[in-house]
Amino acid sequence: QVQLVESGGGLVQAGGSLRLSCAASGVIFSPNDMGWYRQAPGKQRELVATLHSGKITSYGDSVKGRFTISRDNGKNTVTLKMNSLKPEDTAVYYCYVQSSVSGRSWGQGTQVTVSS
């Protein structure tokens, strides 16, 4: 069983920055992917950023150049640094970890609200 705990969401003005963190605990198989999705009201959950096996990054088109994902493999934590935030970034952000052995596990989500 994997547990994921997110932190760092909140309210910020457009153009501001936030940092989200996610700590994973439990039995985590390697190799694995860790990253973030988000879901805005009335919209499907979409990829924000992911780290493949802790090395290769992928970003959603809407956040490229503004968001940066990083990971501390020793602590099984992943951080999302979000700069130049826009109102359309407002969503619940979900951390996840995925391996071929245990499948995908999700955190409970953290709200990010960007005011115009």
C-alpha atoms as a PDB file:
ATOM      1  CA  GLN A   1       0.000   0.000   0.000  1.00  0.00           C
ATOM      2  CA  VAL A   2       1.333   3.408  -0.989  1.00  0.00           C
ATOM      3  CA  GLN A   3       0.347   6.629   0.739  1.00  0.00           C
ATOM      4  CA  LEU A   4       0.852  10.015  -0.876  1.00  0.00           C
ATOM      5  CA  VAL A   5       0.529  13.277   1.034  1.00  0.00           C
ATOM      6  CA  GLU A   6       0.501  16.569  -0.844  1.00  0.00           C
ATOM      7  CA  SER A   7       1.160  20.019   0.557  1.00  0.00           C
ATOM      8  CA  GLY A   8       1.726  23.555  -0.630  1.00  0.00           C
ATOM      9  CA  GLY A   9      -1.487  24.502  -2.376  1.00  0.00           C
ATOM     10  CA  GLY A  10      -3.264  27.779  -1.772  1.00  0.00           C
ATOM     11  CA  LEU A  11      -4.375  31.082  -3.208  1.00  0.00           C
ATOM     12  CA  VAL A  12      -2.027  33.227  -5.280  1.00  0.00           C
ATOM     13  CA  GLN A  13      -2.379  36.155  -7.635  1.00  0.00           C
ATOM     14  CA  ALA A  14      -1.771  35.766 -11.351  1.00  0.00           C
ATOM     15  CA  GLY A  15       1.933  35.946 -12.101  1.00  0.00           C
ATOM     16  CA  GLY A  16       2.850  34.541  -8.720  1.00  0.00           C
ATOM     17  CA  SER A  17       4.496  31.284  -7.723  1.00  0.00           C
ATOM     18  CA  LEU A  18       3.691  28.255  -5.622  1.00  0.00           C
ATOM     19  CA  ARG A  19       5.538  25.095  -4.701  1.00  0.00           C
ATOM     20  CA  LEU A  20       3.747  21.793  -4.263  1.00  0.00           C
ATOM     21  CA  SER A  21       5.314  18.859  -2.486  1.00  0.00           C
ATOM     22  CA  CYS A  22       4.317  15.224  -2.313  1.00  0.00           C
ATOM     23  CA  ALA A  23       5.718  12.633   0.045  1.00  0.00           C
ATOM     24  CA  ALA A  24       5.241   8.962  -0.739  1.00  0.00           C
ATOM     25  CA  SER A  25       5.450   6.219   1.855  1.00  0.00           C
ATOM     26  CA  GLY A  26       4.792   2.512   2.002  1.00  0.00           C
ATOM     27  CA  VAL A  27       5.959  -0.135  -0.434  1.00  0.00           C
ATOM     28  CA  ILE A  28       7.189   1.638  -3.554  1.00  0.00           C
ATOM     29  CA  PHE A  29       8.561  -0.517  -6.336  1.00  0.00           C
ATOM     30  CA  SER A  30      11.232   0.623  -8.734  1.00  0.00           C
ATOM     31  CA  PRO A  31      11.398   1.703 -11.413  1.00  0.00           C
ATOM     32  CA  ASN A  32       8.492   4.064 -11.040  1.00  0.00           C
ATOM     33  CA  ASP A  33       7.072   7.320 -12.262  1.00  0.00           C
ATOM     34  CA  MET A  34       6.041  10.147  -9.948  1.00  0.00           C
ATOM     35  CA  GLY A  35       4.306  13.307 -10.917  1.00  0.00           C
ATOM     36  CA  TRP A  36       1.265  15.525 -10.920  1.00  0.00           C
ATOM     37  CA  TYR A  37      -2.087  15.734 -12.618  1.00  0.00           C
ATOM     38  CA  ARG A  38      -4.703  18.409 -12.125  1.00  0.00           C
ATOM     39  CA  GLN A  39      -8.437  18.672 -12.499  1.00  0.00           C
ATOM     40  CA  ALA A  40     -10.410  21.866 -12.873  1.00  0.00           C
ATOM     41  CA  PRO A  41     -14.183  21.976 -12.288  1.00  0.00           C
ATOM     42  CA  GLY A  42     -16.049  20.455 -15.200  1.00  0.00           C
ATOM     43  CA  LYS A  43     -12.865  19.290 -16.907  1.00  0.00           C
ATOM     44  CA  GLN A  44     -11.008  16.019 -17.235  1.00  0.00           C
ATOM     45  CA  ARG A  45      -7.931  15.292 -15.200  1.00  0.00           C
ATOM     46  CA  GLU A  46      -4.856  16.316 -17.189  1.00  0.00           C
ATOM     47  CA  LEU A  47      -1.141  15.693 -16.950  1.00  0.00           C
ATOM     48  CA  VAL A  48       0.892  18.509 -15.429  1.00  0.00           C
ATOM     49  CA  ALA A  49       4.334  16.972 -15.073  1.00  0.00           C
ATOM     50  CA  THR A  50       5.941  13.622 -14.468  1.00  0.00           C
ATOM     51  CA  LEU A  51       9.348  12.142 -13.823  1.00  0.00           C
ATOM     52  CA  HIS A  52       9.992   8.800 -15.488  1.00  0.00           C
ATOM     53  CA  SER A  53      12.224   6.622 -13.313  1.00  0.00           C
ATOM     54  CA  GLY A  54      13.403   9.796 -11.628  1.00  0.00           C
ATOM     55  CA  LYS A  55      15.288  10.946 -14.711  1.00  0.00           C
ATOM     56  CA  ILE A  56      13.147  11.926 -17.695  1.00  0.00           C
ATOM     57  CA  THR A  57      10.629  14.723 -17.354  1.00  0.00           C
ATOM     58  CA  SER A  58       7.401  15.252 -19.253  1.00  0.00           C
ATOM     59  CA  TYR A  59       5.195  18.324 -19.049  1.00  0.00           C
ATOM     60  CA  GLY A  60       1.733  19.197 -20.214  1.00  0.00           C
ATOM     61  CA  ASP A  61       1.799  21.706 -23.061  1.00  0.00           C
ATOM     62  CA  SER A  62       0.036  24.365 -21.016  1.00  0.00           C
ATOM     63  CA  VAL A  63       2.707  24.430 -18.291  1.00  0.00           C
ATOM     64  CA  LYS A  64       5.921  24.006 -20.288  1.00  0.00           C
ATOM     65  CA  GLY A  65       8.427  26.694 -19.465  1.00  0.00           C
ATOM     66  CA  ARG A  66       6.565  27.725 -16.298  1.00  0.00           C
ATOM     67  CA  PHE A  67       6.525  24.620 -14.103  1.00  0.00           C
ATOM     68  CA  THR A  68       9.451  22.492 -12.979  1.00  0.00           C
ATOM     69  CA  ILE A  69       9.263  19.046 -11.451  1.00  0.00           C
ATOM     70  CA  SER A  70      11.994  17.581  -9.297  1.00  0.00           C
ATOM     71  CA  ARG A  71      12.398  14.554  -7.097  1.00  0.00           C
ATOM     72  CA  ASP A  72      14.367  13.476  -4.071  1.00  0.00           C
ATOM     73  CA  ASN A  73      14.669   9.759  -4.647  1.00  0.00           C
ATOM     74  CA  GLY A  74      16.143   9.134  -1.237  1.00  0.00           C
ATOM     75  CA  LYS A  75      13.039  10.556   0.417  1.00  0.00           C
ATOM     76  CA  ASN A  76      10.490   9.535  -2.234  1.00  0.00           C
ATOM     77  CA  THR A  77       9.298  13.114  -2.522  1.00  0.00           C
ATOM     78  CA  VAL A  78       8.410  15.032  -5.629  1.00  0.00           C
ATOM     79  CA  THR A  79       8.153  18.800  -5.876  1.00  0.00           C
ATOM     80  CA  LEU A  80       6.384  20.958  -8.430  1.00  0.00           C
ATOM     81  CA  LYS A  81       7.602  24.537  -8.705  1.00  0.00           C
ATOM     82  CA  MET A  82       4.988  26.656 -10.439  1.00  0.00           C
ATOM     83  CA  ASN A  83       5.914  30.088 -11.771  1.00  0.00           C
ATOM     84  CA  SER A  84       4.007  32.700 -13.765  1.00  0.00           C
ATOM     85  CA  LEU A  85       0.729  31.247 -12.597  1.00  0.00           C
ATOM     86  CA  LYS A  86      -2.408  31.995 -14.572  1.00  0.00           C
ATOM     87  CA  PRO A  87      -6.076  31.842 -13.564  1.00  0.00           C
ATOM     88  CA  GLU A  88      -6.444  28.831 -15.863  1.00  0.00           C
ATOM     89  CA  ASP A  89      -3.997  26.952 -13.631  1.00  0.00           C
ATOM     90  CA  THR A  90      -6.702  26.898 -10.958  1.00  0.00           C
ATOM     91  CA  ALA A  91      -7.460  23.256 -10.181  1.00  0.00           C
ATOM     92  CA  VAL A  92      -7.049  20.475  -7.678  1.00  0.00           C
ATOM     93  CA  TYR A  93      -3.558  19.068  -8.103  1.00  0.00           C
ATOM     94  CA  TYR A  94      -3.025  15.353  -7.532  1.00  0.00           C
ATOM     95  CA  CYS A  95       0.269  13.629  -6.919  1.00  0.00           C
ATOM     96  CA  TYR A  96       0.730  10.088  -8.136  1.00  0.00           C
ATOM     97  CA  VAL A  97       3.262   7.272  -8.190  1.00  0.00           C
ATOM     98  CA  GLN A  98       3.114   4.416 -10.654  1.00  0.00           C
ATOM     99  CA  SER A  99       5.049   1.199 -11.119  1.00  0.00           C
ATOM    100  CA  SER A 100       4.495  -1.871 -13.268  1.00  0.00           C
ATOM    101  CA  VAL A 101       4.189  -3.956 -10.093  1.00  0.00           C
ATOM    102  CA  SER A 102       1.716  -1.958  -8.000  1.00  0.00           C
ATOM    103  CA  GLY A 103      -0.029   0.214 -10.570  1.00  0.00           C
ATOM    104  CA  ARG A 104      -0.915   3.847  -9.865  1.00  0.00           C
ATOM    105  CA  SER A 105      -1.629   5.404  -6.486  1.00  0.00           C
ATOM    106  CA  TRP A 106      -3.023   8.897  -5.954  1.00  0.00           C
ATOM    107  CA  GLY A 107      -2.813  11.504  -3.269  1.00  0.00           C
ATOM    108  CA  GLN A 108      -5.878  13.235  -1.879  1.00  0.00           C
ATOM    109  CA  GLY A 109      -5.297  16.392  -3.886  1.00  0.00           C
ATOM    110  CA  THR A 110      -4.440  19.971  -3.017  1.00  0.00           C
ATOM    111  CA  GLN A 111      -6.289  23.056  -4.222  1.00  0.00           C
ATOM    112  CA  VAL A 112      -4.482  25.722  -6.205  1.00  0.00           C
ATOM    113  CA  THR A 113      -6.408  28.905  -6.889  1.00  0.00           C
ATOM    114  CA  VAL A 114      -4.987  31.700  -9.039  1.00  0.00           C
ATOM    115  CA  SER A 115      -6.832  35.010  -8.909  1.00  0.00           C
ATOM    116  CA  SER A 116      -6.790  37.474 -11.773  1.00  0.00           C
END
